[in-house]
Protein backbone atom coordinates (compact mmCIF):
# COMPACT_ATOMS: atom_id res chain seq x y z
CA UNK A 1 88.31 95.81 83.89
CA UNK A 2 91.29 93.89 84.61
CA UNK A 3 92.31 91.91 87.34
CA UNK A 4 94.03 93.12 89.75
CA UNK A 5 98.08 92.49 89.84
CA UNK A 6 98.26 90.36 92.76
CA UNK A 7 100.03 87.13 93.24
CA UNK A 8 99.51 85.17 95.40
CA UNK A 9 100.83 82.04 98.40
CA UNK A 10 97.84 80.42 99.62
CA UNK A 11 97.00 77.64 102.49
CA UNK A 12 94.65 75.41 101.68
CA UNK A 13 93.87 73.73 104.53
CA UNK A 14 91.81 69.73 105.39
CA UNK A 15 88.51 70.93 106.33
CA UNK A 16 88.43 67.71 108.50
CA UNK A 17 91.39 69.09 110.54
CA UNK A 18 89.75 72.68 111.20
CA UNK A 19 88.32 74.02 114.64
CA UNK A 20 84.88 73.75 114.68
CA UNK A 21 84.18 77.29 114.59
CA UNK A 22 86.32 78.07 111.78
CA UNK A 23 85.07 74.86 109.61
CA UNK A 24 81.46 75.98 110.69
CA UNK A 25 82.14 79.09 108.90
CA UNK A 26 83.66 76.95 106.01
CA UNK A 27 81.18 74.69 105.05
CA UNK A 28 77.77 77.28 105.17
CA UNK A 29 80.41 78.82 102.87
CA UNK A 30 80.77 75.93 100.78
CA UNK A 31 77.13 75.89 100.87
CA UNK A 32 76.53 78.10 97.75
CA UNK A 33 79.89 76.86 96.16
CA UNK A 34 83.32 76.93 96.53
CA UNK A 35 85.10 81.21 94.98
CA UNK A 36 86.30 79.95 91.30
CA UNK A 37 90.08 80.47 90.92
CA UNK A 38 89.53 83.07 88.09
CA UNK A 39 86.90 85.11 89.73
CA UNK A 40 89.27 86.35 93.16
CA UNK A 41 90.75 89.01 92.22
CA UNK A 42 88.23 90.27 91.62
CA UNK A 43 85.89 89.39 93.92
CA UNK A 44 88.34 90.77 97.15
CA UNK A 45 88.54 94.89 94.67
CA UNK A 46 84.97 94.44 94.88
CA UNK A 47 85.07 94.43 99.25
CA UNK A 48 87.31 96.01 99.35
CA UNK A 49 85.73 99.31 97.70
CA UNK A 50 82.14 98.74 99.03
CA UNK A 51 83.75 99.12 102.45
CA UNK A 52 84.93 102.77 101.63
CA UNK A 53 82.15 103.58 100.14
CA UNK A 54 80.31 103.03 103.36
CA UNK A 55 83.15 105.19 105.08
CA UNK A 56 83.67 101.82 106.72
CA UNK A 57 88.19 100.65 107.38
CA UNK A 58 87.47 97.08 106.38
CA UNK A 59 85.54 94.85 104.50
CA UNK A 60 81.93 93.55 105.55
CA UNK A 61 81.11 89.86 106.98
CA UNK A 62 81.51 88.02 103.26
CA UNK A 63 83.85 84.66 103.26
CA UNK A 64 84.57 83.29 101.14
CA UNK A 65 86.53 80.33 99.71
CA UNK A 66 88.63 78.31 97.89
CA UNK A 67 89.66 74.56 97.10
CA UNK A 68 90.75 71.68 95.83
CA UNK A 69 91.46 68.11 95.76
CA UNK A 70 94.23 66.26 97.69
CA UNK A 71 94.60 64.39 93.70
CA UNK A 72 95.83 68.40 92.82
CA UNK A 73 98.40 68.34 94.59
CA UNK A 74 102.05 66.50 94.40
CA UNK A 75 103.25 65.10 96.76
CA UNK A 76 106.67 63.26 97.45
CA UNK A 77 107.75 60.08 99.65
CA UNK A 78 107.99 62.11 102.68
CA UNK A 79 105.04 64.42 102.45
CA UNK A 80 100.34 63.90 101.91
CA UNK A 81 97.98 65.68 102.64
CA UNK A 82 94.78 65.01 103.94
CA UNK A 83 91.26 64.34 103.01
CA UNK A 84 89.62 66.43 100.45
CA UNK A 85 88.21 69.14 100.38
CA UNK A 86 91.27 70.51 100.95
CA UNK A 87 89.42 74.89 102.01
CA UNK A 88 91.42 77.89 101.67
CA UNK A 89 89.25 81.02 102.91
CA UNK A 90 90.71 84.04 101.67
CA UNK A 91 90.22 85.66 104.92
CA UNK A 92 90.09 89.02 103.56
CA UNK A 93 88.30 91.26 106.59
CA UNK A 94 91.72 90.11 108.20
CA UNK A 95 94.31 90.83 105.48
CA UNK A 96 92.37 94.24 105.00
CA UNK A 97 93.13 94.23 109.01
CA UNK A 98 96.84 92.96 108.97
CA UNK A 99 97.77 95.40 106.02
CA UNK A 100 96.23 98.32 108.07
CA UNK A 101 97.84 97.11 110.74
CA UNK A 102 101.68 97.62 108.74
CA UNK A 103 100.78 100.31 107.29
CA UNK A 104 100.57 102.97 110.60
CA UNK A 105 104.05 101.22 111.42
CA UNK A 106 105.62 101.68 108.76
CA UNK A 107 103.38 105.39 107.10
CA UNK A 108 104.40 108.76 108.25
CA UNK A 109 101.67 110.88 110.51
CA UNK A 110 101.33 112.88 107.74
CA UNK A 111 99.83 110.01 105.14
CA UNK A 112 98.40 108.45 108.05
CA UNK A 113 96.39 111.77 108.32
CA UNK A 114 95.29 112.58 104.35
CA UNK A 115 94.57 108.40 104.30
CA UNK A 116 92.17 107.53 107.37
CA UNK A 117 89.06 110.02 108.91
CA UNK A 118 89.37 108.10 112.56
CA UNK A 119 92.53 108.11 114.83
CA UNK A 120 95.21 106.04 113.67
CA UNK A 121 94.65 104.62 117.70
CA UNK A 122 91.17 104.29 116.71
CA UNK A 123 92.15 102.11 113.24
CA UNK A 124 95.25 100.11 115.61
CA UNK A 125 92.31 99.05 117.95
CA UNK A 126 89.80 98.11 115.17
CA UNK A 127 92.19 96.19 113.46
CA UNK A 128 94.24 94.24 116.14
CA UNK A 129 91.09 93.43 117.11
CA UNK A 130 90.05 91.56 113.87
CA UNK A 131 93.06 90.09 113.71
CA UNK A 132 93.15 88.25 117.14
CA UNK A 133 89.37 86.62 115.51
CA UNK A 134 91.91 83.93 113.39
CA UNK A 135 91.30 80.69 114.42
CA UNK A 136 95.14 80.12 113.39
CA UNK A 137 97.03 83.13 113.99
CA UNK A 138 97.63 83.97 110.55
CA UNK A 139 95.38 84.67 107.93
CA UNK A 140 95.33 81.47 104.29
CA UNK A 141 96.16 83.98 101.48
CA UNK A 142 99.34 86.48 101.55
CA UNK A 143 99.95 88.42 98.35
CA UNK A 144 101.88 90.78 96.36
CA UNK A 145 101.37 93.03 93.80
CA UNK A 146 103.37 93.92 90.39
CA UNK A 147 105.47 91.10 91.07
CA UNK A 148 106.54 87.82 92.88
CA UNK A 149 108.99 87.71 95.62
CA UNK A 150 111.40 85.37 94.36
CA UNK A 151 112.30 83.63 97.81
CA UNK A 152 109.30 82.48 97.58
CA UNK A 153 109.91 80.05 94.52
CA UNK A 154 112.03 78.72 96.74
CA UNK A 155 109.02 76.76 97.89
CA UNK A 156 107.55 75.16 95.27
CA UNK A 157 109.37 72.12 92.67
CA UNK A 158 109.78 73.85 89.51
CA UNK A 159 108.46 70.67 87.59
CA UNK A 160 105.31 70.95 88.91
CA UNK A 161 104.24 74.20 86.94
CA UNK A 162 101.16 74.65 86.21
CA UNK A 163 100.12 76.52 82.70
CA UNK A 164 96.85 77.42 81.70
CA UNK A 165 97.14 79.58 78.26
CA UNK A 166 93.75 80.91 76.41
CA UNK A 167 93.19 83.23 74.02
CA UNK A 168 93.17 86.79 75.50
CA UNK A 169 95.85 87.35 77.22
CA UNK A 170 92.89 88.97 79.99
CA UNK A 171 91.70 86.18 80.23
CA UNK A 172 90.23 85.47 83.61
CA UNK A 173 91.64 81.20 82.99
CA UNK A 174 94.20 82.39 81.90
CA UNK A 175 97.26 81.24 85.36
CA UNK A 176 100.37 80.16 86.35
CA UNK A 177 101.08 78.46 89.92
CA UNK A 178 102.71 75.33 91.55
CA UNK A 179 100.83 73.55 94.32
CA UNK A 180 103.20 71.33 97.25
CA UNK A 181 102.15 69.70 100.02
CA UNK A 182 103.15 71.39 103.27
CA UNK A 183 105.30 68.84 104.69
CA UNK A 184 107.70 69.83 100.81
CA UNK A 185 107.03 73.41 101.87
CA UNK A 186 108.56 73.63 105.37
CA UNK A 187 111.81 70.74 104.38
CA UNK A 188 112.34 73.34 100.97
CA UNK A 189 112.34 76.99 102.88
CA UNK A 190 114.08 75.80 105.73
CA UNK A 191 117.00 73.67 103.53
CA UNK A 192 116.83 77.84 101.23
CA UNK A 193 116.96 79.35 104.77
CA UNK A 194 120.54 77.70 105.54
CA UNK A 195 121.90 77.85 103.54
CA UNK A 196 121.29 81.53 102.57
CA UNK A 197 121.86 82.15 105.69
CA UNK A 198 124.99 81.38 106.04
CA UNK A 199 125.94 82.81 102.34
CA UNK A 200 124.52 86.29 102.50
CA UNK A 201 123.64 86.86 106.26
CA UNK A 202 120.37 87.61 108.25
CA UNK A 203 118.35 89.93 105.82
CA UNK A 204 116.91 89.86 102.14
CA UNK A 205 116.14 86.60 101.23
CA UNK A 206 116.42 84.89 104.32
CA UNK A 207 114.75 87.33 105.84
CA UNK A 208 111.77 86.82 103.21
CA UNK A 209 112.84 82.81 103.65
CA UNK A 210 112.06 82.78 107.91
CA UNK A 211 109.02 85.11 107.91
CA UNK A 212 106.90 82.79 105.11
CA UNK A 213 108.88 79.86 107.30
CA UNK A 214 106.79 81.26 110.42
CA UNK A 215 103.66 81.55 109.05
CA UNK A 216 103.87 78.50 107.31
CA UNK A 217 103.78 77.04 110.73
CA UNK A 218 100.45 78.48 112.06
CA UNK A 219 98.51 75.17 109.86
CA UNK A 220 98.19 71.81 109.92
CA UNK A 221 100.86 69.52 108.40
CA UNK A 222 99.18 67.69 106.26
CA UNK A 223 97.95 71.20 104.25
CA UNK A 224 98.71 72.06 100.82
CA UNK A 225 100.68 75.84 99.52
CA UNK A 226 100.12 77.39 96.05
CA UNK A 227 102.02 80.31 94.29
CA UNK A 228 100.03 81.54 92.33
CA UNK A 229 100.76 84.47 89.95
CA UNK A 230 97.09 85.35 89.68
CA UNK A 231 96.74 88.89 88.13
CA UNK A 232 100.10 88.86 86.94
CA UNK A 233 99.70 86.96 83.84
CA UNK A 234 97.89 90.13 82.15
CA UNK A 235 101.61 91.62 82.08
CA UNK A 236 103.22 88.39 79.78
CA UNK A 237 102.25 87.08 77.21
CA UNK A 238 102.33 83.41 76.41
CA UNK A 239 105.58 83.39 74.93
CA UNK A 240 106.78 85.17 78.41
CA UNK A 241 104.81 82.48 80.67
CA UNK A 242 106.34 79.24 78.91
CA UNK A 243 109.77 80.62 78.88
CA UNK A 244 109.83 81.77 82.20
CA UNK A 245 112.33 79.51 84.59
CA UNK A 246 111.82 81.73 87.80
CA UNK A 247 110.78 78.01 89.96
CA UNK A 248 114.08 77.16 88.07
CA UNK A 249 116.43 79.93 88.55
CA UNK A 250 115.57 80.39 92.12
CA UNK A 251 115.91 77.05 93.15
CA UNK A 252 119.40 76.67 91.17
CA UNK A 253 120.54 79.88 92.88
CA UNK A 254 120.07 77.46 96.29
CA UNK A 255 122.01 74.45 94.89
CA UNK A 256 125.02 76.67 94.01
CA UNK A 257 125.39 78.86 97.03
CA UNK A 258 125.27 75.82 98.96
CA UNK A 259 128.12 74.46 96.53
CA UNK A 260 129.95 78.06 96.34
CA UNK A 261 129.17 78.41 92.47
CA UNK A 262 129.49 81.79 92.70
CA UNK A 263 129.38 82.56 88.32
CA UNK A 264 126.22 79.92 88.20
CA UNK A 265 124.32 82.65 91.15
CA UNK A 266 124.69 85.15 89.06
CA UNK A 267 123.51 84.05 85.64
CA UNK A 268 120.75 82.73 87.07
CA UNK A 269 120.44 86.05 89.35
CA UNK A 270 120.84 88.30 85.71
CA UNK A 271 118.23 85.60 83.79
CA UNK A 272 115.58 86.79 86.69
CA UNK A 273 116.59 90.16 86.88
CA UNK A 274 115.55 90.71 83.42
CA UNK A 275 112.07 88.36 83.56
CA UNK A 276 110.81 90.78 86.86
CA UNK A 277 112.44 94.09 86.10
CA UNK A 278 110.01 94.25 82.71
CA UNK A 279 107.06 93.73 85.03
CA UNK A 280 108.42 96.66 87.68
CA UNK A 281 109.23 99.41 85.00
CA UNK A 282 104.93 98.80 84.60
CA UNK A 283 104.33 99.45 87.81
CA UNK A 284 106.24 102.21 87.34
CA UNK A 285 105.06 104.57 84.12
CA UNK A 286 101.67 102.25 83.89
């Protein structure tokens, strides 16, 4: 079975800087070993399916953590990360709760009645209680299916792309990702937001940038941020992965908007549209 076609934006915080209750949970989870990157998608799917088989709305209390070392995070002259290990709780229970709240806010009552076997207010109450337990007030991972929101690429240095190929397209070790120190991510997103708002207004890309920036503010300034294609790499062959210029193009668009180069913006956007529209077609047609 293929991994879920999910991409991720993750925050890894210094274990030494976590609040005591969360730090205790993380240390306990690390006693059995951190969650390997290649197993994350399968683990999330497994826990969610188990919760549904047991007639529960949210996954159980399993607490999984990913780790990286400070040496794995490129830093600029003005940014650094905290001492290792840097840890990223998967926060699956809280992420599921947030998704339920979003579903209730955006779906029609007839769809809610078909999807839920308990009252919507009961679901909202349970989900809100779980989200209130988050120490930082935000989950460490946000995810998206079948695509990557283009504004996310403004957070990263295109030159720091990490590509790992394998003999098979569905090999779980295959990956594309970027890592950046939190201070650099915040600086990049603030600049992109200022430029995009001035050129395109407050909606669309600017809203994504603003929401992402507010999310990053919940975490320790010595954290690291990771953009990971996750299971999307299964939809792309090696040539596609190696020739993908999405991060370069998005950062070039920000530069071109700042200088008023409309021709460059159009050229770069067309490249992005061609690349990501293929994945969108696969979502629609399977």
